[in-house]
Amino acid sequence: MESSFVGAGASDGTFLTCLNSPEVVGNFTAGLTFYAENGFKAKGEYALSAGDSFVGQRASLRFAYHF
């Protein structure tokens, strides 16, 4: 794909943009939520995306106190 910067003049030229991404990507997400009677809440989550020569992972941990 030929690209250029916004506001750049024609004399600045263009550049080639390439992205090698897999045709098929599988996604998996797992999580757990804990609620306590005193208003405390904890949530953990893990996500995985995988394809040919591609792996993306994400993990999160959230805490909340509801009053």
N, C-alpha and C. Protein backbone atom coordinates (compact mmCIF):
# COMPACT_ATOMS: atom_id res chain seq x y z
N MET A 1 0.85 -1.16 0.00
CA MET A 1 0.00 0.00 0.00
C MET A 1 0.90 1.23 0.00
N GLU A 2 0.67 2.12 -0.91
CA GLU A 2 1.40 3.38 -0.95
C GLU A 2 0.81 4.35 0.06
N SER A 3 1.63 4.92 0.91
CA SER A 3 1.16 5.81 1.98
C SER A 3 1.92 7.12 1.94
N SER A 4 1.32 8.14 2.56
CA SER A 4 1.99 9.42 2.73
C SER A 4 1.47 10.06 4.01
N PHE A 5 2.19 11.05 4.52
CA PHE A 5 1.77 11.75 5.73
C PHE A 5 0.76 12.84 5.39
N VAL A 6 -0.21 13.03 6.28
CA VAL A 6 -1.21 14.08 6.10
C VAL A 6 -0.51 15.44 6.08
N GLY A 7 -0.84 16.26 5.12
CA GLY A 7 -0.25 17.59 5.03
C GLY A 7 1.08 17.63 4.30
N ALA A 8 1.61 16.46 3.92
CA ALA A 8 2.88 16.42 3.20
C ALA A 8 2.65 16.81 1.75
N GLY A 9 3.60 17.51 1.19
CA GLY A 9 3.51 17.91 -0.20
C GLY A 9 3.84 16.75 -1.14
N ALA A 10 3.46 16.90 -2.41
CA ALA A 10 3.74 15.85 -3.40
C ALA A 10 5.23 15.61 -3.55
N SER A 11 6.04 16.65 -3.34
CA SER A 11 7.49 16.49 -3.49
C SER A 11 8.10 15.67 -2.36
N ASP A 12 7.35 15.50 -1.24
CA ASP A 12 7.86 14.69 -0.11
C ASP A 12 7.82 13.20 -0.42
N GLY A 13 7.04 12.81 -1.41
CA GLY A 13 6.98 11.41 -1.83
C GLY A 13 6.08 10.55 -0.96
N THR A 14 6.09 9.26 -1.25
CA THR A 14 5.29 8.28 -0.52
C THR A 14 6.21 7.18 -0.02
N PHE A 15 5.65 6.27 0.76
CA PHE A 15 6.40 5.12 1.23
C PHE A 15 5.48 3.90 1.20
N LEU A 16 6.06 2.73 1.20
CA LEU A 16 5.33 1.48 1.11
C LEU A 16 5.04 0.95 2.50
N THR A 17 3.78 0.61 2.76
CA THR A 17 3.36 0.06 4.04
C THR A 17 3.00 -1.41 3.86
N CYS A 18 3.63 -2.30 4.63
CA CYS A 18 3.36 -3.74 4.53
C CYS A 18 3.03 -4.29 5.91
N LEU A 19 2.05 -5.19 5.96
CA LEU A 19 1.69 -5.86 7.20
C LEU A 19 1.51 -7.33 6.89
N ASN A 20 2.35 -8.16 7.44
CA ASN A 20 2.25 -9.61 7.27
C ASN A 20 1.50 -10.19 8.45
N SER A 21 0.21 -10.40 8.28
CA SER A 21 -0.60 -10.96 9.35
C SER A 21 -1.22 -12.26 8.89
N PRO A 22 -1.51 -13.17 9.82
CA PRO A 22 -2.09 -14.45 9.43
C PRO A 22 -3.51 -14.28 8.89
N GLU A 23 -3.91 -15.19 8.01
CA GLU A 23 -5.26 -15.15 7.46
C GLU A 23 -6.30 -15.55 8.50
N VAL A 24 -5.93 -16.47 9.39
CA VAL A 24 -6.85 -16.96 10.42
C VAL A 24 -6.19 -16.78 11.78
N VAL A 25 -6.93 -16.21 12.73
CA VAL A 25 -6.44 -16.02 14.10
C VAL A 25 -7.46 -16.62 15.05
N GLY A 26 -6.99 -17.44 15.99
CA GLY A 26 -7.86 -18.00 17.02
C GLY A 26 -7.74 -17.18 18.29
N ASN A 27 -8.88 -16.98 18.96
CA ASN A 27 -8.91 -16.20 20.20
C ASN A 27 -9.45 -17.05 21.34
N PHE A 28 -8.83 -16.93 22.51
CA PHE A 28 -9.25 -17.64 23.72
C PHE A 28 -9.18 -16.66 24.88
N THR A 29 -10.24 -16.61 25.68
CA THR A 29 -10.27 -15.74 26.86
C THR A 29 -10.84 -16.52 28.04
N ALA A 30 -10.20 -16.38 29.19
CA ALA A 30 -10.68 -17.02 30.43
C ALA A 30 -10.58 -16.00 31.55
N GLY A 31 -11.56 -16.02 32.43
CA GLY A 31 -11.54 -15.08 33.54
C GLY A 31 -12.22 -15.63 34.78
N LEU A 32 -11.99 -14.97 35.88
CA LEU A 32 -12.56 -15.35 37.16
C LEU A 32 -12.88 -14.08 37.93
N THR A 33 -14.07 -14.02 38.51
CA THR A 33 -14.48 -12.86 39.31
C THR A 33 -14.83 -13.33 40.71
N PHE A 34 -14.33 -12.60 41.71
CA PHE A 34 -14.58 -12.91 43.11
C PHE A 34 -15.33 -11.75 43.75
N TYR A 35 -16.47 -12.03 44.37
CA TYR A 35 -17.26 -11.02 45.08
C TYR A 35 -17.27 -11.36 46.56
N ALA A 36 -17.07 -10.36 47.41
CA ALA A 36 -17.16 -10.53 48.85
C ALA A 36 -18.35 -9.74 49.37
N GLU A 37 -18.91 -10.15 50.49
CA GLU A 37 -20.09 -9.48 51.07
C GLU A 37 -19.81 -8.05 51.50
N ASN A 38 -18.56 -7.72 51.78
CA ASN A 38 -18.23 -6.36 52.25
C ASN A 38 -18.05 -5.36 51.12
N GLY A 39 -18.36 -5.74 49.87
CA GLY A 39 -18.26 -4.82 48.74
C GLY A 39 -16.97 -4.92 47.95
N PHE A 40 -16.09 -5.83 48.34
CA PHE A 40 -14.83 -6.01 47.64
C PHE A 40 -15.05 -6.90 46.42
N LYS A 41 -14.39 -6.56 45.31
CA LYS A 41 -14.50 -7.36 44.09
C LYS A 41 -13.12 -7.46 43.45
N ALA A 42 -12.74 -8.66 43.00
CA ALA A 42 -11.49 -8.89 42.30
C ALA A 42 -11.79 -9.66 41.03
N LYS A 43 -11.14 -9.26 39.94
CA LYS A 43 -11.37 -9.92 38.66
C LYS A 43 -10.04 -10.14 37.96
N GLY A 44 -9.82 -11.36 37.49
CA GLY A 44 -8.62 -11.70 36.74
C GLY A 44 -9.02 -12.22 35.37
N GLU A 45 -8.25 -11.87 34.35
CA GLU A 45 -8.57 -12.31 33.00
C GLU A 45 -7.30 -12.57 32.21
N TYR A 46 -7.33 -13.60 31.37
CA TYR A 46 -6.23 -13.93 30.48
C TYR A 46 -6.80 -14.10 29.08
N ALA A 47 -6.12 -13.55 28.08
CA ALA A 47 -6.56 -13.67 26.69
C ALA A 47 -5.38 -14.08 25.82
N LEU A 48 -5.65 -14.92 24.85
CA LEU A 48 -4.63 -15.40 23.93
C LEU A 48 -5.18 -15.31 22.51
N SER A 49 -4.39 -14.74 21.61
CA SER A 49 -4.69 -14.72 20.18
C SER A 49 -3.52 -15.39 19.48
N ALA A 50 -3.80 -16.37 18.62
CA ALA A 50 -2.73 -17.09 17.96
C ALA A 50 -3.08 -17.39 16.51
N GLY A 51 -2.06 -17.32 15.68
CA GLY A 51 -2.19 -17.65 14.27
C GLY A 51 -0.83 -18.10 13.76
N ASP A 52 -0.72 -18.28 12.46
CA ASP A 52 0.53 -18.70 11.85
C ASP A 52 1.62 -17.65 12.12
N SER A 53 2.64 -18.02 12.87
CA SER A 53 3.77 -17.13 13.22
C SER A 53 3.33 -15.89 14.00
N PHE A 54 2.25 -15.99 14.75
CA PHE A 54 1.74 -14.84 15.51
C PHE A 54 1.16 -15.33 16.83
N VAL A 55 1.56 -14.68 17.93
CA VAL A 55 0.98 -14.95 19.25
C VAL A 55 0.85 -13.62 19.99
N GLY A 56 -0.34 -13.34 20.48
CA GLY A 56 -0.57 -12.15 21.30
C GLY A 56 -1.21 -12.58 22.60
N GLN A 57 -0.71 -12.08 23.71
CA GLN A 57 -1.24 -12.45 25.02
C GLN A 57 -1.57 -11.20 25.82
N ARG A 58 -2.58 -11.30 26.68
CA ARG A 58 -2.95 -10.19 27.55
C ARG A 58 -3.42 -10.77 28.87
N ALA A 59 -3.04 -10.13 29.95
CA ALA A 59 -3.51 -10.52 31.28
C ALA A 59 -3.89 -9.26 32.04
N SER A 60 -4.94 -9.34 32.83
CA SER A 60 -5.34 -8.19 33.64
C SER A 60 -5.84 -8.66 34.99
N LEU A 61 -5.68 -7.79 35.96
CA LEU A 61 -6.14 -8.04 37.33
C LEU A 61 -6.75 -6.74 37.83
N ARG A 62 -8.01 -6.78 38.21
CA ARG A 62 -8.71 -5.57 38.65
C ARG A 62 -9.26 -5.77 40.05
N PHE A 63 -9.16 -4.72 40.85
CA PHE A 63 -9.72 -4.72 42.21
C PHE A 63 -10.69 -3.55 42.32
N ALA A 64 -11.77 -3.77 43.05
CA ALA A 64 -12.74 -2.68 43.27
C ALA A 64 -13.33 -2.84 44.67
N TYR A 65 -13.70 -1.71 45.24
CA TYR A 65 -14.42 -1.70 46.51
C TYR A 65 -15.66 -0.85 46.33
N HIS A 66 -16.82 -1.45 46.45
CA HIS A 66 -18.09 -0.77 46.28
C HIS A 66 -18.64 -0.38 47.66
N PHE A 67 -18.89 0.90 47.81
CA PHE A 67 -19.39 1.36 49.12
C PHE A 67 -20.69 2.09 48.97
